[in-house]
Amino acid sequence: MTRYLIIYEKGTDGYSAYVPDLPGCTSAGATRKEVEESIVEAIKLHIEVMKESGYEIPEANSESEMLVLG
């Protein structure tokens, strides 16, 4: 099982998400729940298209950490 890091961002018009290890794999939605669901489908489709096109699927290498300044 491959685990991909998903970055969620809240904007003025809703939410967006992207996957650093899959360049171009993004999604947007009006709510966080909507974008959480749509990014999963975007990842599946992105990988499917890459395979069909003969591209190598990138390894998941991204990591994250929260830094709290105070």
PDB file of N, CA and C in Angstrom:
ATOM      1  N   MET A   1       0.835  -1.174   0.000  1.00  0.00           N
ATOM      2  CA  MET A   1       0.000   0.000   0.000  1.00  0.00           C
ATOM      3  C   MET A   1       0.885   1.243   0.000  1.00  0.00           C
ATOM      4  N   THR A   2       0.588   2.162  -0.879  1.00  0.00           N
ATOM      5  CA  THR A   2       1.330   3.411  -0.952  1.00  0.00           C
ATOM      6  C   THR A   2       0.541   4.504  -0.254  1.00  0.00           C
ATOM      7  N   ARG A   3       1.226   5.286   0.546  1.00  0.00           N
ATOM      8  CA  ARG A   3       0.593   6.393   1.266  1.00  0.00           C
ATOM      9  C   ARG A   3       1.111   7.702   0.689  1.00  0.00           C
ATOM     10  N   TYR A   4       0.204   8.526   0.181  1.00  0.00           N
ATOM     11  CA  TYR A   4       0.577   9.821  -0.381  1.00  0.00           C
ATOM     12  C   TYR A   4       0.164  10.946   0.556  1.00  0.00           C
ATOM     13  N   LEU A   5       1.057  11.899   0.722  1.00  0.00           N
ATOM     14  CA  LEU A   5       0.765  13.090   1.502  1.00  0.00           C
ATOM     15  C   LEU A   5      -0.179  13.981   0.702  1.00  0.00           C
ATOM     16  N   ILE A   6      -1.231  14.450   1.340  1.00  0.00           N
ATOM     17  CA  ILE A   6      -2.174  15.377   0.725  1.00  0.00           C
ATOM     18  C   ILE A   6      -2.110  16.679   1.508  1.00  0.00           C
ATOM     19  N   ILE A   7      -1.956  17.778   0.800  1.00  0.00           N
ATOM     20  CA  ILE A   7      -1.941  19.109   1.415  1.00  0.00           C
ATOM     21  C   ILE A   7      -3.296  19.757   1.168  1.00  0.00           C
ATOM     22  N   TYR A   8      -3.952  20.185   2.242  1.00  0.00           N
ATOM     23  CA  TYR A   8      -5.231  20.875   2.146  1.00  0.00           C
ATOM     24  C   TYR A   8      -5.013  22.350   2.461  1.00  0.00           C
ATOM     25  N   GLU A   9      -5.647  23.205   1.679  1.00  0.00           N
ATOM     26  CA  GLU A   9      -5.550  24.639   1.919  1.00  0.00           C
ATOM     27  C   GLU A   9      -6.939  25.254   1.879  1.00  0.00           C
ATOM     28  N   LYS A  10      -7.208  26.130   2.836  1.00  0.00           N
ATOM     29  CA  LYS A  10      -8.476  26.845   2.855  1.00  0.00           C
ATOM     30  C   LYS A  10      -8.276  28.183   2.160  1.00  0.00           C
ATOM     31  N   GLY A  11      -9.146  28.456   1.194  1.00  0.00           N
ATOM     32  CA  GLY A  11      -9.086  29.721   0.481  1.00  0.00           C
ATOM     33  C   GLY A  11     -10.340  30.533   0.738  1.00  0.00           C
ATOM     34  N   THR A  12     -10.464  31.635   0.066  1.00  0.00           N
ATOM     35  CA  THR A  12     -11.629  32.498   0.267  1.00  0.00           C
ATOM     36  C   THR A  12     -12.904  31.893  -0.310  1.00  0.00           C
ATOM     37  N   ASP A  13     -12.771  31.025  -1.313  1.00  0.00           N
ATOM     38  CA  ASP A  13     -13.943  30.438  -1.969  1.00  0.00           C
ATOM     39  C   ASP A  13     -14.147  28.955  -1.661  1.00  0.00           C
ATOM     40  N   GLY A  14     -13.389  28.402  -0.746  1.00  0.00           N
ATOM     41  CA  GLY A  14     -13.518  26.987  -0.443  1.00  0.00           C
ATOM     42  C   GLY A  14     -12.174  26.378  -0.104  1.00  0.00           C
ATOM     43  N   TYR A  15     -12.007  25.129  -0.492  1.00  0.00           N
ATOM     44  CA  TYR A  15     -10.795  24.385  -0.164  1.00  0.00           C
ATOM     45  C   TYR A  15     -10.146  23.836  -1.425  1.00  0.00           C
ATOM     46  N   SER A  16      -8.850  23.634  -1.342  1.00  0.00           N
ATOM     47  CA  SER A  16      -8.132  22.964  -2.423  1.00  0.00           C
ATOM     48  C   SER A  16      -7.213  21.929  -1.796  1.00  0.00           C
ATOM     49  N   ALA A  17      -6.769  20.995  -2.622  1.00  0.00           N
ATOM     50  CA  ALA A  17      -5.861  19.951  -2.154  1.00  0.00           C
ATOM     51  C   ALA A  17      -4.912  19.586  -3.280  1.00  0.00           C
ATOM     52  N   TYR A  18      -3.699  19.188  -2.917  1.00  0.00           N
ATOM     53  CA  TYR A  18      -2.757  18.695  -3.908  1.00  0.00           C
ATOM     54  C   TYR A  18      -1.859  17.639  -3.287  1.00  0.00           C
ATOM     55  N   VAL A  19      -1.236  16.861  -4.161  1.00  0.00           N
ATOM     56  CA  VAL A  19      -0.382  15.756  -3.735  1.00  0.00           C
ATOM     57  C   VAL A  19       1.031  16.044  -4.242  1.00  0.00           C
ATOM     58  N   PRO A  20       1.957  16.426  -3.350  1.00  0.00           N
ATOM     59  CA  PRO A  20       3.304  16.807  -3.784  1.00  0.00           C
ATOM     60  C   PRO A  20       4.031  15.739  -4.603  1.00  0.00           C
ATOM     61  N   ASP A  21       3.775  14.466  -4.319  1.00  0.00           N
ATOM     62  CA  ASP A  21       4.473  13.393  -5.021  1.00  0.00           C
ATOM     63  C   ASP A  21       3.843  13.048  -6.367  1.00  0.00           C
ATOM     64  N   LEU A  22       2.696  13.635  -6.673  1.00  0.00           N
ATOM     65  CA  LEU A  22       2.033  13.416  -7.960  1.00  0.00           C
ATOM     66  C   LEU A  22       1.792  14.780  -8.602  1.00  0.00           C
ATOM     67  N   PRO A  23       2.812  15.379  -9.201  1.00  0.00           N
ATOM     68  CA  PRO A  23       2.664  16.714  -9.775  1.00  0.00           C
ATOM     69  C   PRO A  23       1.454  16.804 -10.711  1.00  0.00           C
ATOM     70  N   GLY A  24       0.665  17.845 -10.504  1.00  0.00           N
ATOM     71  CA  GLY A  24      -0.521  18.056 -11.314  1.00  0.00           C
ATOM     72  C   GLY A  24      -1.772  17.437 -10.741  1.00  0.00           C
ATOM     73  N   CYS A  25      -1.648  16.679  -9.666  1.00  0.00           N
ATOM     74  CA  CYS A  25      -2.806  16.034  -9.052  1.00  0.00           C
ATOM     75  C   CYS A  25      -3.385  16.990  -8.013  1.00  0.00           C
ATOM     76  N   THR A  26      -4.490  17.621  -8.375  1.00  0.00           N
ATOM     77  CA  THR A  26      -5.120  18.610  -7.514  1.00  0.00           C
ATOM     78  C   THR A  26      -6.628  18.417  -7.491  1.00  0.00           C
ATOM     79  N   SER A  27      -7.261  19.083  -6.547  1.00  0.00           N
ATOM     80  CA  SER A  27      -8.708  19.057  -6.461  1.00  0.00           C
ATOM     81  C   SER A  27      -9.156  20.304  -5.707  1.00  0.00           C
ATOM     82  N   ALA A  28     -10.426  20.650  -5.862  1.00  0.00           N
ATOM     83  CA  ALA A  28     -10.992  21.796  -5.152  1.00  0.00           C
ATOM     84  C   ALA A  28     -12.440  21.500  -4.820  1.00  0.00           C
ATOM     85  N   GLY A  29     -12.930  22.163  -3.792  1.00  0.00           N
ATOM     86  CA  GLY A  29     -14.317  21.979  -3.406  1.00  0.00           C
ATOM     87  C   GLY A  29     -14.779  23.090  -2.497  1.00  0.00           C
ATOM     88  N   ALA A  30     -16.068  23.186  -2.327  1.00  0.00           N
ATOM     89  CA  ALA A  30     -16.650  24.230  -1.490  1.00  0.00           C
ATOM     90  C   ALA A  30     -16.406  23.970  -0.011  1.00  0.00           C
ATOM     91  N   THR A  31     -16.330  22.675   0.373  1.00  0.00           N
ATOM     92  CA  THR A  31     -16.119  22.322   1.776  1.00  0.00           C
ATOM     93  C   THR A  31     -14.916  21.397   1.902  1.00  0.00           C
ATOM     94  N   ARG A  32     -14.413  21.277   3.094  1.00  0.00           N
ATOM     95  CA  ARG A  32     -13.275  20.379   3.347  1.00  0.00           C
ATOM     96  C   ARG A  32     -13.676  18.941   3.026  1.00  0.00           C
ATOM     97  N   LYS A  33     -14.858  18.536   3.445  1.00  0.00           N
ATOM     98  CA  LYS A  33     -15.323  17.171   3.176  1.00  0.00           C
ATOM     99  C   LYS A  33     -15.394  16.901   1.676  1.00  0.00           C
ATOM    100  N   GLU A  34     -15.883  17.869   0.934  1.00  0.00           N
ATOM    101  CA  GLU A  34     -15.989  17.712  -0.522  1.00  0.00           C
ATOM    102  C   GLU A  34     -14.617  17.530  -1.157  1.00  0.00           C
ATOM    103  N   VAL A  35     -13.660  18.326  -0.737  1.00  0.00           N
ATOM    104  CA  VAL A  35     -12.321  18.214  -1.325  1.00  0.00           C
ATOM    105  C   VAL A  35     -11.611  16.949  -0.852  1.00  0.00           C
ATOM    106  N   GLU A  36     -11.892  16.493   0.366  1.00  0.00           N
ATOM    107  CA  GLU A  36     -11.307  15.240   0.853  1.00  0.00           C
ATOM    108  C   GLU A  36     -11.761  14.071  -0.014  1.00  0.00           C
ATOM    109  N   GLU A  37     -13.025  14.066  -0.372  1.00  0.00           N
ATOM    110  CA  GLU A  37     -13.552  12.990  -1.207  1.00  0.00           C
ATOM    111  C   GLU A  37     -13.043  13.094  -2.642  1.00  0.00           C
ATOM    112  N   SER A  38     -12.997  14.300  -3.174  1.00  0.00           N
ATOM    113  CA  SER A  38     -12.605  14.452  -4.575  1.00  0.00           C
ATOM    114  C   SER A  38     -11.114  14.232  -4.806  1.00  0.00           C
ATOM    115  N   ILE A  39     -10.265  14.514  -3.802  1.00  0.00           N
ATOM    116  CA  ILE A  39      -8.829  14.300  -4.014  1.00  0.00           C
ATOM    117  C   ILE A  39      -8.511  12.811  -4.082  1.00  0.00           C
ATOM    118  N   VAL A  40      -9.265  11.991  -3.369  1.00  0.00           N
ATOM    119  CA  VAL A  40      -9.050  10.540  -3.450  1.00  0.00           C
ATOM    120  C   VAL A  40      -9.330  10.058  -4.871  1.00  0.00           C
ATOM    121  N   GLU A  41     -10.426  10.518  -5.441  1.00  0.00           N
ATOM    122  CA  GLU A  41     -10.754  10.148  -6.816  1.00  0.00           C
ATOM    123  C   GLU A  41      -9.717  10.714  -7.789  1.00  0.00           C
ATOM    124  N   ALA A  42      -9.238  11.926  -7.517  1.00  0.00           N
ATOM    125  CA  ALA A  42      -8.222  12.533  -8.378  1.00  0.00           C
ATOM    126  C   ALA A  42      -6.929  11.717  -8.363  1.00  0.00           C
ATOM    127  N   ILE A  43      -6.542  11.221  -7.194  1.00  0.00           N
ATOM    128  CA  ILE A  43      -5.331  10.405  -7.081  1.00  0.00           C
ATOM    129  C   ILE A  43      -5.490   9.115  -7.883  1.00  0.00           C
ATOM    130  N   LYS A  44      -6.621   8.446  -7.716  1.00  0.00           N
ATOM    131  CA  LYS A  44      -6.858   7.197  -8.445  1.00  0.00           C
ATOM    132  C   LYS A  44      -6.816   7.426  -9.947  1.00  0.00           C
ATOM    133  N   LEU A  45      -7.474   8.464 -10.419  1.00  0.00           N
ATOM    134  CA  LEU A  45      -7.502   8.766 -11.846  1.00  0.00           C
ATOM    135  C   LEU A  45      -6.114   9.160 -12.357  1.00  0.00           C
ATOM    136  N   HIS A  46      -5.414   9.961 -11.586  1.00  0.00           N
ATOM    137  CA  HIS A  46      -4.071  10.405 -11.969  1.00  0.00           C
ATOM    138  C   HIS A  46      -3.142   9.201 -12.170  1.00  0.00           C
ATOM    139  N   ILE A  47      -3.166   8.270 -11.226  1.00  0.00           N
ATOM    140  CA  ILE A  47      -2.315   7.079 -11.315  1.00  0.00           C
ATOM    141  C   ILE A  47      -2.746   6.202 -12.486  1.00  0.00           C
ATOM    142  N   GLU A  48      -4.032   6.052 -12.681  1.00  0.00           N
ATOM    143  CA  GLU A  48      -4.543   5.255 -13.799  1.00  0.00           C
ATOM    144  C   GLU A  48      -4.081   5.820 -15.142  1.00  0.00           C
ATOM    145  N   VAL A  49      -4.187   7.125 -15.306  1.00  0.00           N
ATOM    146  CA  VAL A  49      -3.765   7.765 -16.560  1.00  0.00           C
ATOM    147  C   VAL A  49      -2.256   7.634 -16.753  1.00  0.00           C
ATOM    148  N   MET A  50      -1.489   7.787 -15.677  1.00  0.00           N
ATOM    149  CA  MET A  50      -0.035   7.637 -15.780  1.00  0.00           C
ATOM    150  C   MET A  50       0.330   6.226 -16.239  1.00  0.00           C
ATOM    151  N   LYS A  51      -0.333   5.214 -15.661  1.00  0.00           N
ATOM    152  CA  LYS A  51      -0.064   3.828 -16.053  1.00  0.00           C
ATOM    153  C   LYS A  51      -0.422   3.592 -17.509  1.00  0.00           C
ATOM    154  N   GLU A  52      -1.604   4.058 -17.920  1.00  0.00           N
ATOM    155  CA  GLU A  52      -2.045   3.882 -19.307  1.00  0.00           C
ATOM    156  C   GLU A  52      -1.119   4.581 -20.295  1.00  0.00           C
ATOM    157  N   SER A  53      -0.500   5.667 -19.850  1.00  0.00           N
ATOM    158  CA  SER A  53       0.399   6.436 -20.715  1.00  0.00           C
ATOM    159  C   SER A  53       1.838   5.920 -20.669  1.00  0.00           C
ATOM    160  N   GLY A  54       2.084   4.907 -19.838  1.00  0.00           N
ATOM    161  CA  GLY A  54       3.414   4.315 -19.761  1.00  0.00           C
ATOM    162  C   GLY A  54       4.381   5.044 -18.854  1.00  0.00           C
ATOM    163  N   TYR A  55       3.875   5.953 -18.023  1.00  0.00           N
ATOM    164  CA  TYR A  55       4.746   6.675 -17.102  1.00  0.00           C
ATOM    165  C   TYR A  55       4.971   5.860 -15.836  1.00  0.00           C
ATOM    166  N   GLU A  56       6.128   6.022 -15.255  1.00  0.00           N
ATOM    167  CA  GLU A  56       6.443   5.376 -13.987  1.00  0.00           C
ATOM    168  C   GLU A  56       5.727   6.127 -12.872  1.00  0.00           C
ATOM    169  N   ILE A  57       5.123   5.408 -11.964  1.00  0.00           N
ATOM    170  CA  ILE A  57       4.423   6.027 -10.841  1.00  0.00           C
ATOM    171  C   ILE A  57       5.468   6.459  -9.804  1.00  0.00           C
ATOM    172  N   PRO A  58       5.477   7.755  -9.450  1.00  0.00           N
ATOM    173  CA  PRO A  58       6.475   8.227  -8.482  1.00  0.00           C
ATOM    174  C   PRO A  58       6.285   7.591  -7.115  1.00  0.00           C
ATOM    175  N   GLU A  59       7.389   7.374  -6.437  1.00  0.00           N
ATOM    176  CA  GLU A  59       7.325   6.888  -5.068  1.00  0.00           C
ATOM    177  C   GLU A  59       6.827   8.009  -4.171  1.00  0.00           C
ATOM    178  N   ALA A  60       6.174   7.647  -3.109  1.00  0.00           N
ATOM    179  CA  ALA A  60       5.727   8.633  -2.131  1.00  0.00           C
ATOM    180  C   ALA A  60       6.890   8.955  -1.205  1.00  0.00           C
ATOM    181  N   ASN A  61       7.409  10.159  -1.305  1.00  0.00           N
ATOM    182  CA  ASN A  61       8.567  10.563  -0.505  1.00  0.00           C
ATOM    183  C   ASN A  61       8.310  11.761   0.394  1.00  0.00           C
ATOM    184  N   SER A  62       7.213  12.456   0.173  1.00  0.00           N
ATOM    185  CA  SER A  62       6.948  13.684   0.930  1.00  0.00           C
ATOM    186  C   SER A  62       6.609  13.373   2.378  1.00  0.00           C
ATOM    187  N   GLU A  63       7.011  14.277   3.230  1.00  0.00           N
ATOM    188  CA  GLU A  63       6.698  14.199   4.654  1.00  0.00           C
ATOM    189  C   GLU A  63       6.188  15.567   5.079  1.00  0.00           C
ATOM    190  N   SER A  64       5.564  15.625   6.234  1.00  0.00           N
ATOM    191  CA  SER A  64       5.104  16.919   6.730  1.00  0.00           C
ATOM    192  C   SER A  64       5.354  17.021   8.221  1.00  0.00           C
ATOM    193  N   GLU A  65       5.304  18.248   8.663  1.00  0.00           N
ATOM    194  CA  GLU A  65       5.474  18.534  10.083  1.00  0.00           C
ATOM    195  C   GLU A  65       4.833  19.882  10.350  1.00  0.00           C
ATOM    196  N   MET A  66       4.182  20.012  11.472  1.00  0.00           N
ATOM    197  CA  MET A  66       3.612  21.283  11.880  1.00  0.00           C
ATOM    198  C   MET A  66       4.607  21.968  12.795  1.00  0.00           C
ATOM    199  N   LEU A  67       4.880  23.219  12.533  1.00  0.00           N
ATOM    200  CA  LEU A  67       5.760  24.012  13.375  1.00  0.00           C
ATOM    201  C   LEU A  67       4.887  25.020  14.097  1.00  0.00           C
ATOM    202  N   VAL A  68       4.966  25.023  15.394  1.00  0.00           N
ATOM    203  CA  VAL A  68       4.169  25.950  16.181  1.00  0.00           C
ATOM    204  C   VAL A  68       5.117  26.989  16.772  1.00  0.00           C
ATOM    205  N   LEU A  69       4.885  28.240  16.419  1.00  0.00           N
ATOM    206  CA  LEU A  69       5.687  29.330  16.967  1.00  0.00           C
ATOM    207  C   LEU A  69       4.871  30.024  18.040  1.00  0.00           C
ATOM    208  N   GLY A  70       5.485  30.333  19.088  1.00  0.00           N
ATOM    209  CA  GLY A  70       4.679  30.954  20.121  1.00  0.00           C
ATOM    210  C   GLY A  70       5.491  31.645  21.079  1.00  0.00           C
TER     211      GLY A  70
END
